Amino acid sequence: MWKVIIAAVLVISATSVWAETYKKTYSKGSWSLYQVDGMKIRGPNGRDELIDDLCLAAYQSPKASLKFAMAPAVEAARRPSVQNYVWVQVASENWNFRSQRASAGLSVQVSSYVERRAQYEGVAITFGVPDFKKTFGIFLMFAGTRETIDVLDSRGKVIARFPADGFSEVRNKLFACAGV
């Protein structure tokens, strides 16, 4: 009996070590900043990487989410490939994509960014932006000044709209967390 209990405890503790843990560190308006331990993301080199203390700015509702993630300053110093790299994920329970690559974009009234190689899979669209490509940086600068952040599909059609209230402050905290 004791062997079974000990084995069960070891299995539970081993799986919890690899689980993502979110710690909210700041919130403003509709947006929050999290530190995430144990998050697996697709790195700039195309391989999945496990990053601890990942900095994550997110809008989340029961039906949809928009997330921007960056490696923390300490991790970026150890792995230059993730420095100034922004991971973007948009998800909606209403979507049902088959795995494919296509363009996707983010837009505010005065600026937009289009990623030509976004990954559409299941309920999510994901892509990474290395070194704050100029148009992405401009989009981020204006995103907090407008009412919404829109998501565009490969045809340029708005497929999701997220509130931008609080984004500017959370974006600044995200950059501080990442040492930008």
Protein backbone atom coordinates (compact mmCIF):
# COMPACT_ATOMS: atom_id res chain seq x y z
CA MET A 1 0.00 0.00 0.00
CA TRP A 2 2.78 2.46 0.91
CA LYS A 3 4.52 1.79 -2.40
CA VAL A 4 1.37 2.76 -4.28
CA ILE A 5 0.95 5.98 -2.27
CA ILE A 6 4.61 6.94 -2.71
CA ALA A 7 4.47 6.18 -6.44
CA ALA A 8 1.32 8.31 -6.80
CA VAL A 9 2.93 11.23 -4.93
CA LEU A 10 6.05 11.01 -7.13
CA VAL A 11 3.97 10.99 -10.33
CA ILE A 12 1.90 13.98 -9.19
CA SER A 13 4.97 15.97 -8.13
CA ALA A 14 6.82 15.13 -11.36
CA THR A 15 3.94 16.31 -13.56
CA SER A 16 3.46 19.50 -11.56
CA VAL A 17 7.12 20.42 -12.11
CA TRP A 18 6.50 20.61 -15.87
CA ALA A 19 3.13 22.37 -15.68
CA GLU A 20 2.90 26.04 -16.56
CA THR A 21 2.36 28.29 -13.57
CA TYR A 22 1.03 31.81 -14.07
CA LYS A 23 1.66 34.59 -11.57
CA LYS A 24 -0.16 37.86 -12.23
CA THR A 25 2.21 40.75 -11.53
CA TYR A 26 0.25 43.72 -12.90
CA SER A 27 -3.17 44.53 -14.27
CA LYS A 28 -4.66 47.61 -15.94
CA GLY A 29 -7.99 47.87 -17.75
CA SER A 30 -8.61 44.71 -19.77
CA TRP A 31 -4.93 43.62 -19.79
CA SER A 32 -2.69 41.78 -17.34
CA LEU A 33 1.00 40.98 -17.08
CA TYR A 34 2.07 37.51 -15.94
CA GLN A 35 5.32 35.73 -15.13
CA VAL A 36 4.97 32.20 -16.46
CA ASP A 37 7.18 29.30 -15.38
CA GLY A 38 7.60 26.24 -17.54
CA MET A 39 6.10 27.60 -20.76
CA LYS A 40 7.06 25.81 -23.94
CA ILE A 41 7.25 28.04 -26.98
CA ARG A 42 8.52 27.72 -30.52
CA GLY A 43 11.87 29.48 -30.57
CA PRO A 44 13.33 31.64 -33.33
CA ASN A 45 15.27 28.59 -34.52
CA GLY A 46 12.02 26.67 -35.08
CA ARG A 47 12.50 24.32 -32.11
CA ASP A 48 10.33 24.20 -29.00
CA GLU A 49 12.04 25.81 -26.01
CA LEU A 50 11.13 25.75 -22.32
CA ILE A 51 11.39 29.21 -20.76
CA ASP A 52 10.95 30.07 -17.10
CA ASP A 53 9.75 33.47 -15.88
CA LEU A 54 8.39 34.25 -19.34
CA CYS A 55 6.91 37.76 -19.48
CA LEU A 56 3.35 37.59 -20.81
CA ALA A 57 0.96 40.47 -21.57
CA ALA A 58 -2.53 39.08 -22.09
CA TYR A 59 -6.14 39.91 -22.67
CA GLN A 60 -8.25 36.87 -21.80
CA SER A 61 -11.96 36.31 -21.82
CA PRO A 62 -13.86 33.03 -21.53
CA LYS A 63 -14.07 32.85 -25.35
CA ALA A 64 -10.90 34.49 -26.72
CA SER A 65 -7.40 35.68 -25.88
CA LEU A 66 -4.59 37.82 -27.28
CA LYS A 67 -1.13 37.28 -25.81
CA PHE A 68 2.29 38.86 -26.30
CA ALA A 69 5.23 37.06 -24.67
CA MET A 70 8.91 37.86 -24.28
CA ALA A 71 11.80 36.11 -22.59
CA PRO A 72 12.86 37.73 -19.31
CA ALA A 73 16.05 39.81 -19.32
CA VAL A 74 18.10 37.09 -17.56
CA GLU A 75 17.07 34.44 -20.09
CA ALA A 76 17.67 36.80 -23.04
CA ALA A 77 21.19 37.48 -21.75
CA ARG A 78 21.91 33.72 -21.69
CA ARG A 79 20.25 33.01 -25.03
CA PRO A 80 20.73 35.92 -27.46
CA SER A 81 18.40 34.27 -30.00
CA VAL A 82 15.38 35.11 -27.81
CA GLN A 83 16.42 38.69 -27.05
CA ASN A 84 13.85 41.20 -28.38
CA TYR A 85 11.79 38.32 -29.80
CA VAL A 86 8.02 38.66 -29.31
CA TRP A 87 5.70 35.67 -29.47
CA VAL A 88 2.11 36.44 -30.40
CA GLN A 89 -0.86 34.12 -29.92
CA VAL A 90 -4.50 34.83 -30.74
CA ALA A 91 -7.10 32.24 -29.81
CA SER A 92 -10.87 31.89 -29.99
CA GLU A 93 -13.03 28.94 -29.10
CA ASN A 94 -15.08 29.71 -32.24
CA TRP A 95 -12.19 28.99 -34.60
CA ASN A 96 -11.31 25.56 -35.92
CA PHE A 97 -8.24 25.83 -38.14
CA ARG A 98 -6.49 22.91 -39.70
CA SER A 99 -2.75 23.18 -39.28
CA GLN A 100 -1.50 25.58 -41.96
CA ARG A 101 0.75 28.57 -42.51
CA ALA A 102 -0.69 31.78 -43.88
CA SER A 103 -0.49 35.49 -43.28
CA ALA A 104 -2.20 37.02 -40.27
CA GLY A 105 -2.20 40.53 -38.95
CA LEU A 106 -2.83 42.86 -36.07
CA SER A 107 -4.27 46.29 -36.68
CA VAL A 108 -5.28 49.50 -34.96
CA GLN A 109 -6.80 52.48 -36.72
CA VAL A 110 -3.48 54.08 -37.68
CA SER A 111 -1.06 51.15 -37.91
CA SER A 112 -0.93 47.45 -38.69
CA TYR A 113 1.46 44.53 -38.79
CA VAL A 114 1.18 41.49 -41.05
CA GLU A 115 3.13 38.27 -40.45
CA ARG A 116 3.36 36.22 -43.64
CA ARG A 117 4.22 32.93 -41.92
CA ALA A 118 1.70 32.72 -39.08
CA GLN A 119 0.72 29.25 -37.88
CA TYR A 120 -3.04 28.53 -37.90
CA GLU A 121 -3.78 25.52 -35.74
CA GLY A 122 -6.91 24.44 -33.91
CA VAL A 123 -8.30 27.49 -32.15
CA ALA A 124 -5.08 29.57 -32.28
CA ILE A 125 -2.97 31.68 -34.60
CA THR A 126 0.66 32.06 -33.51
CA PHE A 127 3.75 33.79 -34.82
CA GLY A 128 7.02 35.24 -33.63
CA VAL A 129 8.48 38.63 -34.42
CA PRO A 130 12.28 38.90 -34.21
CA ASP A 131 14.01 42.13 -33.19
CA PHE A 132 10.86 44.26 -33.16
CA LYS A 133 10.52 44.54 -36.91
CA LYS A 134 9.89 48.21 -37.64
CA THR A 135 6.21 47.84 -38.55
CA PHE A 136 5.54 45.66 -35.49
CA GLY A 137 7.16 48.24 -33.21
CA ILE A 138 5.00 50.97 -34.73
CA PHE A 139 1.89 48.81 -34.31
CA LEU A 140 2.76 48.22 -30.62
CA MET A 141 3.31 51.94 -30.07
CA PHE A 142 -0.17 52.83 -31.36
CA ALA A 143 -2.05 49.77 -30.05
CA GLY A 144 -2.67 51.29 -26.64
CA THR A 145 -3.92 54.59 -28.03
CA ARG A 146 -6.97 53.21 -29.84
CA GLU A 147 -10.12 51.52 -28.55
CA THR A 148 -9.48 48.09 -30.04
CA ILE A 149 -6.80 45.80 -31.39
CA ASP A 150 -8.07 43.92 -34.44
CA VAL A 151 -6.89 40.56 -35.74
CA LEU A 152 -6.86 40.08 -39.51
CA ASP A 153 -6.91 36.78 -41.36
CA SER A 154 -4.99 35.97 -44.54
CA ARG A 155 -7.61 37.82 -46.63
CA GLY A 156 -7.35 40.98 -44.52
CA LYS A 157 -10.77 40.42 -42.92
CA VAL A 158 -11.19 41.32 -39.23
CA ILE A 159 -11.79 38.01 -37.45
CA ALA A 160 -11.44 39.22 -33.84
CA ARG A 161 -11.50 42.51 -31.97
CA PHE A 162 -9.94 43.00 -28.52
CA PRO A 163 -10.27 45.97 -26.15
CA ALA A 164 -7.08 48.03 -25.86
CA ASP A 165 -7.81 49.79 -22.55
CA GLY A 166 -4.80 49.28 -20.30
CA PHE A 167 -2.61 47.85 -23.07
CA SER A 168 -0.09 50.75 -23.08
CA GLU A 169 0.70 50.35 -19.39
CA VAL A 170 0.90 46.55 -19.57
CA ARG A 171 3.05 46.74 -22.73
CA ASN A 172 5.50 49.02 -20.89
CA LYS A 173 5.66 46.53 -18.00
CA LEU A 174 6.21 43.70 -20.51
CA PHE A 175 9.17 45.56 -22.00
CA ALA A 176 10.58 46.27 -18.53
CA CYS A 177 10.26 42.58 -17.62
CA ALA A 178 12.14 41.64 -20.80
CA GLY A 179 14.81 44.28 -20.25
CA VAL A 180 13.92 46.27 -23.36
